[in-house]
Each structure stands twice: as C-alpha cells, then as structure tokens.
Amino acid sequence: MAFDGVGDSPPNAPQPHHDVTDPNKGFWLELNGVSAHLQSAKDFNRQSWNQKNVGVGLEYEFNRNSAVAGGVYDNSINKTTAYGLYMYTPLHAGPMKFGVEGGIASGYNKTIVPLAAPIAEIEHKHLGANVLFIPPLKNETPPVIGLQLKFKF
C-alpha cells in the first residue's frame, strides 16, 4: 500500500501514545491512630500497653494491588518505631482490599524486626483506612489490631 499523504500515517511511523493514568496510582498520607492489644500487659510483665499510637507515614500506591509505605509512630511499649513495608492486596470487594504486608520496623528490643501481617484497606476517592493485624513479637508484645487513617494527595 502506498502512502498518499492524505489521512494516513507513513509506514512504520510512531503511533500516538495515549497516557491512561491508573486512578489508584499515587501518594497517601497515613495517620497512625489507635491499637487494640489482644493479651494483657501483665502477661508481659508490663503495667499497660500504649494504645494511642500517634504517628505519620507516607504510602505510594503503584496500582490497586501493590504499594510501599514508610513512617514513624509511638509503639505499644512507648518507644518510637520507624517502619518500611511492601503491601500486596490482590483481593477486592468494592472499595475494600485484602492482602498482606511485609517489611521491617525499629523501636523494639531488637534493633530491627521483620514484619509480615494481613491487612484490610478501604478507600474511597481521597479518604481511606488501613486495618492491620500485627502478630506478636516474642516476649515483647501480643497480637495487635491497628488502625490508620489515610488521605490521598
């Protein structure tokens, strides 16, 4: 087929690129909030648990299934924790996502501890929440359910 210059692209010409932005892609500001400890502090020779885990983090969502996050918060034993996580949430039900997260955290008796935990997220436009189930840290903390609020920007 010959190129006649009217309405056709020449052979092998680059085609226009259509940039379709993933609406899930982007940054979230995470505000760490509260936690519920599933075992008594007395079982760990403590007076009480810190259940007001004030902190701030940043989450970057690559797509609906994967994100990375990092931040700081006041942990269960009243120390500052810094964390870095990868989140994988392949199960979806409406605005809810379910999956796992893994990474590292500081601020406990060991300098750095590995983390692996199930996570549930709910997101609607620019507002969301993460509910985390954090397994126990041997001889330090019991299983914990934590709540983060998050805001997309």
Protein backbone atom coordinates (compact mmCIF):
# COMPACT_ATOMS: atom_id res chain seq x y z
CA MET A 1 0.00 0.00 0.00
CA ALA A 2 1.39 3.39 -0.97
CA PHE A 3 1.43 6.41 1.32
CA ASP A 4 -0.53 9.20 -0.33
CA GLY A 5 -0.02 11.81 2.42
CA VAL A 6 -3.74 12.32 2.98
CA GLY A 7 -5.11 10.96 6.27
CA ASP A 8 -2.70 8.03 6.53
CA SER A 9 0.45 7.65 8.56
CA PRO A 10 3.54 6.63 6.66
CA PRO A 11 4.55 3.00 7.14
CA ASN A 12 6.46 2.36 10.37
CA ALA A 13 5.58 5.82 11.75
CA PRO A 14 5.29 6.03 15.55
CA GLN A 15 1.71 5.82 16.70
CA PRO A 16 0.31 8.40 19.14
CA HIS A 17 0.81 7.42 22.79
CA HIS A 18 -2.34 7.51 24.87
CA ASP A 19 -1.38 8.02 28.53
CA VAL A 20 -4.06 6.33 30.61
CA THR A 21 -3.29 7.16 34.21
CA ASP A 22 -4.12 4.48 36.76
CA PRO A 23 -6.59 6.16 39.17
CA ASN A 24 -5.17 4.09 42.03
CA LYS A 25 -1.62 5.31 41.49
CA GLY A 26 -0.39 8.00 43.87
CA PHE A 27 0.56 9.09 47.36
CA TRP A 28 -1.38 8.73 50.59
CA LEU A 29 -0.62 10.49 53.88
CA GLU A 30 -1.05 7.91 56.67
CA LEU A 31 -2.01 8.93 60.20
CA ASN A 32 -1.39 6.20 62.74
CA GLY A 33 -4.05 6.16 65.38
CA VAL A 34 -5.10 3.50 67.81
CA SER A 35 -4.47 -0.14 68.54
CA ALA A 36 -6.12 -2.94 70.48
CA HIS A 37 -3.85 -5.47 72.19
CA LEU A 38 -5.23 -8.99 72.31
CA GLN A 39 -3.45 -10.01 75.50
CA SER A 40 -2.94 -8.44 78.91
CA ALA A 41 0.16 -6.33 79.59
CA LYS A 42 0.62 -8.26 82.84
CA ASP A 43 1.40 -11.38 80.76
CA PHE A 44 4.47 -9.48 79.52
CA ASN A 45 5.45 -8.02 82.94
CA ARG A 46 4.18 -4.56 81.94
CA GLN A 47 1.80 -2.14 83.60
CA SER A 48 -0.07 -1.33 80.39
CA TRP A 49 0.15 -1.04 76.62
CA ASN A 50 0.30 2.22 74.71
CA GLN A 51 -2.88 2.05 72.62
CA LYS A 52 -2.63 5.60 71.23
CA ASN A 53 -0.05 5.08 68.52
CA VAL A 54 0.37 8.60 67.21
CA GLY A 55 2.45 8.79 64.06
CA VAL A 56 2.67 9.72 60.42
CA GLY A 57 3.61 7.85 57.27
CA LEU A 58 3.62 8.01 53.51
CA GLU A 59 2.19 5.33 51.24
CA TYR A 60 2.78 5.14 47.49
CA GLU A 61 0.30 3.02 45.56
CA PHE A 62 1.71 1.65 42.30
CA ASN A 63 -1.67 0.18 41.31
CA ARG A 64 -4.72 -1.35 43.01
CA ASN A 65 -2.68 -4.38 44.14
CA SER A 66 0.67 -3.06 45.35
CA ALA A 67 2.11 -0.23 47.41
CA VAL A 68 5.05 0.70 49.60
CA ALA A 69 4.84 2.62 52.87
CA GLY A 70 7.13 4.10 55.47
CA GLY A 71 6.77 6.24 58.55
CA VAL A 72 7.10 6.61 62.31
CA TYR A 73 4.78 6.10 65.28
CA ASP A 74 4.72 5.63 69.05
CA ASN A 75 4.64 1.86 69.53
CA SER A 76 2.99 -0.38 72.13
CA ILE A 77 5.95 -0.16 74.52
CA ASN A 78 6.14 3.67 74.37
CA LYS A 79 9.12 3.84 72.01
CA THR A 80 9.35 5.42 68.59
CA THR A 81 9.13 2.96 65.70
CA ALA A 82 10.25 3.63 62.14
CA TYR A 83 8.89 1.21 59.52
CA GLY A 84 9.16 0.33 55.85
CA LEU A 85 6.66 -2.01 54.17
CA TYR A 86 5.58 -3.54 50.89
CA MET A 87 1.81 -4.10 50.68
CA TYR A 88 0.18 -6.62 48.33
CA THR A 89 -3.64 -6.55 48.19
CA PRO A 90 -4.89 -8.80 45.37
CA LEU A 91 -8.37 -9.46 46.81
CA HIS A 92 -11.01 -6.78 46.17
CA ALA A 93 -14.63 -6.30 47.23
CA GLY A 94 -15.99 -2.92 46.20
CA PRO A 95 -13.86 -0.24 47.91
CA MET A 96 -12.21 -2.85 50.15
CA LYS A 97 -8.89 -4.60 49.52
CA PHE A 98 -7.33 -7.53 51.39
CA GLY A 99 -3.83 -8.89 51.37
CA VAL A 100 -0.52 -8.99 53.21
CA GLU A 101 2.28 -6.64 54.07
CA GLY A 102 5.91 -7.31 54.83
CA GLY A 103 8.89 -5.22 55.82
CA ILE A 104 10.93 -4.06 58.78
CA ALA A 105 10.45 -1.95 61.89
CA SER A 106 12.64 -0.49 64.64
CA GLY A 107 11.96 0.57 68.22
CA TYR A 108 11.65 -2.79 69.96
CA ASN A 109 14.23 -4.74 71.99
CA LYS A 110 15.95 -5.90 68.80
CA THR A 111 17.34 -3.12 66.62
CA ILE A 112 15.33 -4.17 63.55
CA VAL A 113 12.47 -6.67 63.47
CA PRO A 114 10.89 -8.25 60.39
CA LEU A 115 7.17 -7.76 59.85
CA ALA A 116 4.62 -9.86 57.99
CA ALA A 117 0.93 -9.31 58.57
CA PRO A 118 -2.50 -9.45 56.95
CA ILE A 119 -4.07 -6.11 56.03
CA ALA A 120 -7.52 -4.84 55.08
CA GLU A 121 -7.95 -1.48 53.38
CA ILE A 122 -10.93 0.62 52.48
CA GLU A 123 -10.51 3.51 50.07
CA HIS A 124 -12.95 5.98 48.57
CA LYS A 125 -11.56 8.77 46.40
CA HIS A 126 -9.23 10.72 48.71
CA LEU A 127 -10.07 9.08 52.04
CA GLY A 128 -9.14 5.65 53.34
CA ALA A 129 -8.28 3.45 56.29
CA ASN A 130 -5.93 0.53 56.88
CA VAL A 131 -6.74 -2.14 59.46
CA LEU A 132 -3.71 -4.21 60.37
CA PHE A 133 -3.36 -7.44 62.30
CA ILE A 134 0.14 -7.47 63.74
CA PRO A 135 1.37 -10.85 65.01
CA PRO A 136 3.05 -11.00 68.43
CA LEU A 137 6.70 -10.14 68.91
CA LYS A 138 8.12 -12.92 71.06
CA ASN A 139 8.48 -11.80 74.70
CA GLU A 140 7.61 -8.18 73.76
CA THR A 141 4.07 -7.62 72.52
CA PRO A 142 0.90 -9.65 71.96
CA PRO A 143 -1.08 -9.74 68.73
CA VAL A 144 -2.34 -6.24 67.92
CA ILE A 145 -5.08 -4.81 65.72
CA GLY A 146 -4.13 -1.32 64.49
CA LEU A 147 -5.96 1.43 62.64
CA GLN A 148 -4.53 4.03 60.27
CA LEU A 149 -6.46 6.78 58.53
CA LYS A 150 -5.12 7.95 55.19
CA PHE A 151 -5.63 10.83 52.79
CA LYS A 152 -4.72 10.77 49.09
CA PHE A 153 -2.97 13.75 47.61
